[in-house]
């Protein structure tokens, strides 16, 4: 059974460590010195998406924003 958890990497001496929540440790019966497999996926920042997808509109972002605002009034 695979379990997905989110954790923050923290500085630990000159390394980076990840703390596994107690509930997961107990549920998976993880003990000190057990070998575990960790899949690392960085969560992309919003700014990394800009420019990655082809534009379907010739309008600028400001024009689209202004057009949307007109509907709010």
PDB file of N, CA and C in Angstrom:
ATOM      1  N   UNK A   1       0.843  -1.182   0.000  1.00  0.00           N
ATOM      2  CA  UNK A   1       0.000   0.000   0.000  1.00  0.00           C
ATOM      3  C   UNK A   1       0.889   1.247   0.000  1.00  0.00           C
ATOM      4  N   UNK A   2       0.713   2.092  -0.982  1.00  0.00           N
ATOM      5  CA  UNK A   2       1.497   3.323  -1.052  1.00  0.00           C
ATOM      6  C   UNK A   2       0.768   4.429  -0.304  1.00  0.00           C
ATOM      7  N   UNK A   3       1.525   5.271   0.312  1.00  0.00           N
ATOM      8  CA  UNK A   3       0.980   6.385   1.081  1.00  0.00           C
ATOM      9  C   UNK A   3       1.672   7.650   0.603  1.00  0.00           C
ATOM     10  N   UNK A   4       0.904   8.679   0.332  1.00  0.00           N
ATOM     11  CA  UNK A   4       1.510   9.949  -0.054  1.00  0.00           C
ATOM     12  C   UNK A   4       1.378  10.911   1.110  1.00  0.00           C
ATOM     13  N   UNK A   5       2.500  11.489   1.494  1.00  0.00           N
ATOM     14  CA  UNK A   5       2.497  12.511   2.542  1.00  0.00           C
ATOM     15  C   UNK A   5       3.257  13.715   2.027  1.00  0.00           C
ATOM     16  N   UNK A   6       2.979  14.855   2.596  1.00  0.00           N
ATOM     17  CA  UNK A   6       3.713  16.070   2.256  1.00  0.00           C
ATOM     18  C   UNK A   6       4.580  16.431   3.464  1.00  0.00           C
ATOM     19  N   UNK A   7       5.810  16.777   3.174  1.00  0.00           N
ATOM     20  CA  UNK A   7       6.739  17.127   4.239  1.00  0.00           C
ATOM     21  C   UNK A   7       7.631  18.255   3.757  1.00  0.00           C
ATOM     22  N   UNK A   8       8.107  19.035   4.689  1.00  0.00           N
ATOM     23  CA  UNK A   8       9.045  20.103   4.350  1.00  0.00           C
ATOM     24  C   UNK A   8      10.450  19.642   4.666  1.00  0.00           C
ATOM     25  N   UNK A   9      11.347  19.905   3.757  1.00  0.00           N
ATOM     26  CA  UNK A   9      12.756  19.594   3.976  1.00  0.00           C
ATOM     27  C   UNK A   9      13.333  20.656   4.910  1.00  0.00           C
ATOM     28  N   UNK A  10      14.080  20.217   5.909  1.00  0.00           N
ATOM     29  CA  UNK A  10      14.659  21.136   6.889  1.00  0.00           C
ATOM     30  C   UNK A  10      16.166  20.907   6.968  1.00  0.00           C
ATOM     31  N   UNK A  11      16.864  21.981   7.256  1.00  0.00           N
ATOM     32  CA  UNK A  11      18.318  21.924   7.421  1.00  0.00           C
ATOM     33  C   UNK A  11      18.636  21.085   8.658  1.00  0.00           C
ATOM     34  N   UNK A  12      19.575  20.161   8.522  1.00  0.00           N
ATOM     35  CA  UNK A  12      19.979  19.305   9.629  1.00  0.00           C
ATOM     36  C   UNK A  12      21.493  19.154   9.544  1.00  0.00           C
ATOM     37  N   UNK A  13      22.205  20.016  10.243  1.00  0.00           N
ATOM     38  CA  UNK A  13      23.660  20.071  10.108  1.00  0.00           C
ATOM     39  C   UNK A  13      23.994  20.592   8.723  1.00  0.00           C
ATOM     40  N   UNK A  14      24.824  19.850   7.992  1.00  0.00           N
ATOM     41  CA  UNK A  14      25.151  20.270   6.628  1.00  0.00           C
ATOM     42  C   UNK A  14      24.273  19.538   5.613  1.00  0.00           C
ATOM     43  N   UNK A  15      23.268  18.802   6.101  1.00  0.00           N
ATOM     44  CA  UNK A  15      22.371  18.039   5.234  1.00  0.00           C
ATOM     45  C   UNK A  15      20.965  18.606   5.294  1.00  0.00           C
ATOM     46  N   UNK A  16      20.082  17.957   4.571  1.00  0.00           N
ATOM     47  CA  UNK A  16      18.659  18.291   4.605  1.00  0.00           C
ATOM     48  C   UNK A  16      17.938  17.040   5.092  1.00  0.00           C
ATOM     49  N   UNK A  17      17.015  17.209   6.026  1.00  0.00           N
ATOM     50  CA  UNK A  17      16.262  16.071   6.554  1.00  0.00           C
ATOM     51  C   UNK A  17      14.769  16.259   6.370  1.00  0.00           C
ATOM     52  N   UNK A  18      14.067  15.151   6.342  1.00  0.00           N
ATOM     53  CA  UNK A  18      12.604  15.162   6.242  1.00  0.00           C
ATOM     54  C   UNK A  18      12.068  14.380   7.427  1.00  0.00           C
ATOM     55  N   UNK A  19      11.103  14.954   8.118  1.00  0.00           N
ATOM     56  CA  UNK A  19      10.514  14.282   9.268  1.00  0.00           C
ATOM     57  C   UNK A  19       9.244  13.570   8.816  1.00  0.00           C
ATOM     58  N   UNK A  20       9.178  12.283   9.134  1.00  0.00           N
ATOM     59  CA  UNK A  20       7.997  11.488   8.795  1.00  0.00           C
ATOM     60  C   UNK A  20       7.028  11.581   9.976  1.00  0.00           C
ATOM     61  N   UNK A  21       5.784  11.979   9.719  1.00  0.00           N
ATOM     62  CA  UNK A  21       4.820  12.113  10.817  1.00  0.00           C
ATOM     63  C   UNK A  21       4.644  10.806  11.611  1.00  0.00           C
ATOM     64  N   UNK A  22       4.418  10.951  12.907  1.00  0.00           N
ATOM     65  CA  UNK A  22       4.289   9.821  13.822  1.00  0.00           C
ATOM     66  C   UNK A  22       3.231   8.821  13.350  1.00  0.00           C
ATOM     67  N   UNK A  23       2.111   9.334  12.821  1.00  0.00           N
ATOM     68  CA  UNK A  23       1.019   8.457  12.389  1.00  0.00           C
ATOM     69  C   UNK A  23       1.490   7.504  11.278  1.00  0.00           C
ATOM     70  N   UNK A  24       2.305   8.029  10.369  1.00  0.00           N
ATOM     71  CA  UNK A  24       2.822   7.213   9.262  1.00  0.00           C
ATOM     72  C   UNK A  24       3.835   6.202   9.795  1.00  0.00           C
ATOM     73  N   UNK A  25       4.711   6.651  10.694  1.00  0.00           N
ATOM     74  CA  UNK A  25       5.712   5.766  11.287  1.00  0.00           C
ATOM     75  C   UNK A  25       5.026   4.587  11.967  1.00  0.00           C
ATOM     76  N   UNK A  26       3.984   4.882  12.739  1.00  0.00           N
ATOM     77  CA  UNK A  26       3.263   3.808  13.441  1.00  0.00           C
ATOM     78  C   UNK A  26       2.504   2.912  12.469  1.00  0.00           C
ATOM     79  N   UNK A  27       1.815   3.511  11.495  1.00  0.00           N
ATOM     80  CA  UNK A  27       1.022   2.726  10.548  1.00  0.00           C
ATOM     81  C   UNK A  27       1.900   1.808   9.697  1.00  0.00           C
ATOM     82  N   UNK A  28       3.067   2.290   9.313  1.00  0.00           N
ATOM     83  CA  UNK A  28       3.977   1.506   8.462  1.00  0.00           C
ATOM     84  C   UNK A  28       4.995   0.700   9.272  1.00  0.00           C
ATOM     85  N   UNK A  29       4.924   0.853  10.599  1.00  0.00           N
ATOM     86  CA  UNK A  29       5.843   0.143  11.512  1.00  0.00           C
ATOM     87  C   UNK A  29       7.310   0.401  11.137  1.00  0.00           C
ATOM     88  N   UNK A  30       7.625   1.666  10.891  1.00  0.00           N
ATOM     89  CA  UNK A  30       8.994   2.062  10.546  1.00  0.00           C
ATOM     90  C   UNK A  30       9.803   2.164  11.833  1.00  0.00           C
ATOM     91  N   UNK A  31      10.984   1.558  11.799  1.00  0.00           N
ATOM     92  CA  UNK A  31      11.868   1.606  12.960  1.00  0.00           C
ATOM     93  C   UNK A  31      13.203   2.237  12.549  1.00  0.00           C
ATOM     94  N   UNK A  32      13.937   2.687  13.550  1.00  0.00           N
ATOM     95  CA  UNK A  32      15.255   3.276  13.297  1.00  0.00           C
ATOM     96  C   UNK A  32      16.111   2.299  12.496  1.00  0.00           C
ATOM     97  N   UNK A  33      16.811   2.828  11.511  1.00  0.00           N
ATOM     98  CA  UNK A  33      17.698   2.078  10.613  1.00  0.00           C
ATOM     99  C   UNK A  33      16.958   1.238   9.573  1.00  0.00           C
ATOM    100  N   UNK A  34      15.626   1.299   9.523  1.00  0.00           N
ATOM    101  CA  UNK A  34      14.897   0.647   8.432  1.00  0.00           C
ATOM    102  C   UNK A  34      15.233   1.358   7.135  1.00  0.00           C
ATOM    103  N   UNK A  35      15.319   0.615   6.068  1.00  0.00           N
ATOM    104  CA  UNK A  35      15.538   1.213   4.761  1.00  0.00           C
ATOM    105  C   UNK A  35      14.165   1.476   4.153  1.00  0.00           C
ATOM    106  N   UNK A  36      13.940   2.716   3.746  1.00  0.00           N
ATOM    107  CA  UNK A  36      12.664   3.079   3.132  1.00  0.00           C
ATOM    108  C   UNK A  36      12.940   3.726   1.783  1.00  0.00           C
ATOM    109  N   UNK A  37      11.962   3.656   0.910  1.00  0.00           N
ATOM    110  CA  UNK A  37      12.080   4.245  -0.420  1.00  0.00           C
ATOM    111  C   UNK A  37      11.289   5.543  -0.433  1.00  0.00           C
ATOM    112  N   UNK A  38      11.932   6.618  -0.859  1.00  0.00           N
ATOM    113  CA  UNK A  38      11.289   7.932  -0.921  1.00  0.00           C
ATOM    114  C   UNK A  38      11.326   8.417  -2.362  1.00  0.00           C
ATOM    115  N   UNK A  39      10.164   8.781  -2.891  1.00  0.00           N
ATOM    116  CA  UNK A  39      10.099   9.368  -4.233  1.00  0.00           C
ATOM    117  C   UNK A  39      10.028  10.875  -4.059  1.00  0.00           C
ATOM    118  N   UNK A  40      10.931  11.579  -4.688  1.00  0.00           N
ATOM    119  CA  UNK A  40      11.005  13.029  -4.524  1.00  0.00           C
ATOM    120  C   UNK A  40      10.389  13.726  -5.724  1.00  0.00           C
ATOM    121  N   UNK A  41       9.415  14.603  -5.443  1.00  0.00           N
ATOM    122  CA  UNK A  41       8.779  15.413  -6.479  1.00  0.00           C
ATOM    123  C   UNK A  41       8.734  16.843  -5.966  1.00  0.00           C
ATOM    124  N   UNK A  42       9.400  17.729  -6.643  1.00  0.00           N
ATOM    125  CA  UNK A  42       9.328  19.141  -6.263  1.00  0.00           C
ATOM    126  C   UNK A  42       8.018  19.718  -6.752  1.00  0.00           C
ATOM    127  N   UNK A  43       7.395  20.517  -5.937  1.00  0.00           N
ATOM    128  CA  UNK A  43       6.161  21.182  -6.322  1.00  0.00           C
ATOM    129  C   UNK A  43       6.532  22.426  -7.123  1.00  0.00           C
ATOM    130  N   UNK A  44       6.092  22.517  -8.380  1.00  0.00           N
ATOM    131  CA  UNK A  44       6.476  23.682  -9.190  1.00  0.00           C
ATOM    132  C   UNK A  44       5.861  24.969  -8.658  1.00  0.00           C
ATOM    133  N   UNK A  45       6.601  26.036  -8.780  1.00  0.00           N
ATOM    134  CA  UNK A  45       6.099  27.353  -8.391  1.00  0.00           C
ATOM    135  C   UNK A  45       5.284  27.919  -9.551  1.00  0.00           C
ATOM    136  N   UNK A  46       4.329  28.777  -9.246  1.00  0.00           N
ATOM    137  CA  UNK A  46       3.458  29.341 -10.279  1.00  0.00           C
ATOM    138  C   UNK A  46       4.267  30.014 -11.388  1.00  0.00           C
ATOM    139  N   UNK A  47       5.323  30.700 -11.038  1.00  0.00           N
ATOM    140  CA  UNK A  47       6.135  31.403 -12.023  1.00  0.00           C
ATOM    141  C   UNK A  47       6.796  30.483 -13.031  1.00  0.00           C
ATOM    142  N   UNK A  48       6.954  29.207 -12.675  1.00  0.00           N
ATOM    143  CA  UNK A  48       7.578  28.256 -13.586  1.00  0.00           C
ATOM    144  C   UNK A  48       6.642  27.845 -14.721  1.00  0.00           C
ATOM    145  N   UNK A  49       5.343  28.100 -14.570  1.00  0.00           N
ATOM    146  CA  UNK A  49       4.384  27.727 -15.604  1.00  0.00           C
ATOM    147  C   UNK A  49       4.319  28.742 -16.740  1.00  0.00           C
ATOM    148  N   UNK A  50       4.664  29.993 -16.459  1.00  0.00           N
ATOM    149  CA  UNK A  50       4.557  31.035 -17.470  1.00  0.00           C
ATOM    150  C   UNK A  50       5.478  30.747 -18.640  1.00  0.00           C
ATOM    151  N   UNK A  51       4.924  30.806 -19.833  1.00  0.00           N
ATOM    152  CA  UNK A  51       5.687  30.572 -21.028  1.00  0.00           C
ATOM    153  C   UNK A  51       5.802  29.109 -21.430  1.00  0.00           C
ATOM    154  N   UNK A  52       5.236  28.211 -20.657  1.00  0.00           N
ATOM    155  CA  UNK A  52       5.344  26.781 -20.958  1.00  0.00           C
ATOM    156  C   UNK A  52       4.255  26.280 -21.902  1.00  0.00           C
ATOM    157  N   UNK A  53       3.142  26.972 -21.930  1.00  0.00           N
ATOM    158  CA  UNK A  53       2.018  26.511 -22.731  1.00  0.00           C
ATOM    159  C   UNK A  53       1.780  27.462 -23.893  1.00  0.00           C
ATOM    160  N   UNK A  54       1.445  26.929 -25.054  1.00  0.00           N
ATOM    161  CA  UNK A  54       1.203  27.818 -26.192  1.00  0.00           C
ATOM    162  C   UNK A  54      -0.012  28.706 -25.946  1.00  0.00           C
ATOM    163  N   UNK A  55       0.079  29.937 -26.395  1.00  0.00           N
ATOM    164  CA  UNK A  55      -1.035  30.871 -26.216  1.00  0.00           C
ATOM    165  C   UNK A  55      -2.063  30.653 -27.302  1.00  0.00           C
ATOM    166  N   UNK A  56      -3.322  30.625 -26.917  1.00  0.00           N
ATOM    167  CA  UNK A  56      -4.411  30.460 -27.875  1.00  0.00           C
ATOM    168  C   UNK A  56      -5.019  31.808 -28.228  1.00  0.00           C
ATOM    169  N   UNK A  57      -4.647  32.825 -27.473  1.00  0.00           N
ATOM    170  CA  UNK A  57      -5.213  34.154 -27.677  1.00  0.00           C
ATOM    171  C   UNK A  57      -4.101  35.130 -28.031  1.00  0.00           C
ATOM    172  N   UNK A  58      -4.433  36.108 -28.833  1.00  0.00           N
ATOM    173  CA  UNK A  58      -3.462  37.146 -29.173  1.00  0.00           C
ATOM    174  C   UNK A  58      -3.510  38.294 -28.157  1.00  0.00           C
ATOM    175  N   UNK A  59      -4.470  38.217 -27.208  1.00  0.00           N
ATOM    176  CA  UNK A  59      -4.617  39.277 -26.214  1.00  0.00           C
ATOM    177  C   UNK A  59      -3.500  39.184 -25.184  1.00  0.00           C
ATOM    178  N   UNK A  60      -3.139  40.342 -24.646  1.00  0.00           N
ATOM    179  CA  UNK A  60      -2.152  40.368 -23.571  1.00  0.00           C
ATOM    180  C   UNK A  60      -2.839  39.963 -22.272  1.00  0.00           C
ATOM    181  N   UNK A  61      -2.059  39.649 -21.279  1.00  0.00           N
ATOM    182  CA  UNK A  61      -2.609  39.291 -19.976  1.00  0.00           C
ATOM    183  C   UNK A  61      -3.426  40.453 -19.410  1.00  0.00           C
ATOM    184  N   UNK A  62      -2.946  41.668 -19.604  1.00  0.00           N
ATOM    185  CA  UNK A  62      -3.668  42.835 -19.107  1.00  0.00           C
ATOM    186  C   UNK A  62      -5.020  42.974 -19.794  1.00  0.00           C
ATOM    187  N   UNK A  63      -5.081  42.739 -21.117  1.00  0.00           N
ATOM    188  CA  UNK A  63      -6.349  42.829 -21.847  1.00  0.00           C
ATOM    189  C   UNK A  63      -7.344  41.780 -21.344  1.00  0.00           C
ATOM    190  N   UNK A  64      -6.866  40.599 -21.078  1.00  0.00           N
ATOM    191  CA  UNK A  64      -7.740  39.537 -20.554  1.00  0.00           C
ATOM    192  C   UNK A  64      -8.233  39.920 -19.163  1.00  0.00           C
ATOM    193  N   UNK A  65      -7.342  40.449 -18.343  1.00  0.00           N
ATOM    194  CA  UNK A  65      -7.707  40.870 -16.987  1.00  0.00           C
ATOM    195  C   UNK A  65      -8.753  41.983 -17.034  1.00  0.00           C
ATOM    196  N   UNK A  66      -8.542  42.978 -17.895  1.00  0.00           N
ATOM    197  CA  UNK A  66      -9.496  44.084 -18.028  1.00  0.00           C
ATOM    198  C   UNK A  66     -10.860  43.576 -18.503  1.00  0.00           C
ATOM    199  N   UNK A  67     -10.843  42.635 -19.423  1.00  0.00           N
ATOM    200  CA  UNK A  67     -12.081  42.063 -19.945  1.00  0.00           C
ATOM    201  C   UNK A  67     -12.842  41.327 -18.835  1.00  0.00           C
ATOM    202  N   UNK A  68     -12.139  40.610 -18.000  1.00  0.00           N
ATOM    203  CA  UNK A  68     -12.779  39.892 -16.897  1.00  0.00           C
ATOM    204  C   UNK A  68     -13.348  40.860 -15.871  1.00  0.00           C
ATOM    205  N   UNK A  69     -12.611  41.933 -15.575  1.00  0.00           N
ATOM    206  CA  UNK A  69     -13.069  42.922 -14.599  1.00  0.00           C
ATOM    207  C   UNK A  69     -14.376  43.595 -15.042  1.00  0.00           C
ATOM    208  N   UNK A  70     -14.563  43.792 -16.366  1.00  0.00           N
ATOM    209  CA  UNK A  70     -15.778  44.429 -16.852  1.00  0.00           C
ATOM    210  C   UNK A  70     -17.030  43.649 -16.432  1.00  0.00           C
ATOM    211  N   UNK A  71     -16.911  42.369 -16.332  1.00  0.00           N
ATOM    212  CA  UNK A  71     -18.037  41.528 -15.929  1.00  0.00           C
ATOM    213  C   UNK A  71     -18.354  41.613 -14.447  1.00  0.00           C
ATOM    214  N   UNK A  72     -17.452  42.162 -13.646  1.00  0.00           N
ATOM    215  CA  UNK A  72     -17.664  42.232 -12.198  1.00  0.00           C
ATOM    216  C   UNK A  72     -18.487  43.438 -11.793  1.00  0.00           C
ATOM    217  N   UNK A  73     -18.534  44.444 -12.628  1.00  0.00           N
ATOM    218  CA  UNK A  73     -19.240  45.694 -12.262  1.00  0.00           C
ATOM    219  C   UNK A  73     -20.735  45.553 -12.424  1.00  0.00           C
TER     220      UNK A  73
END
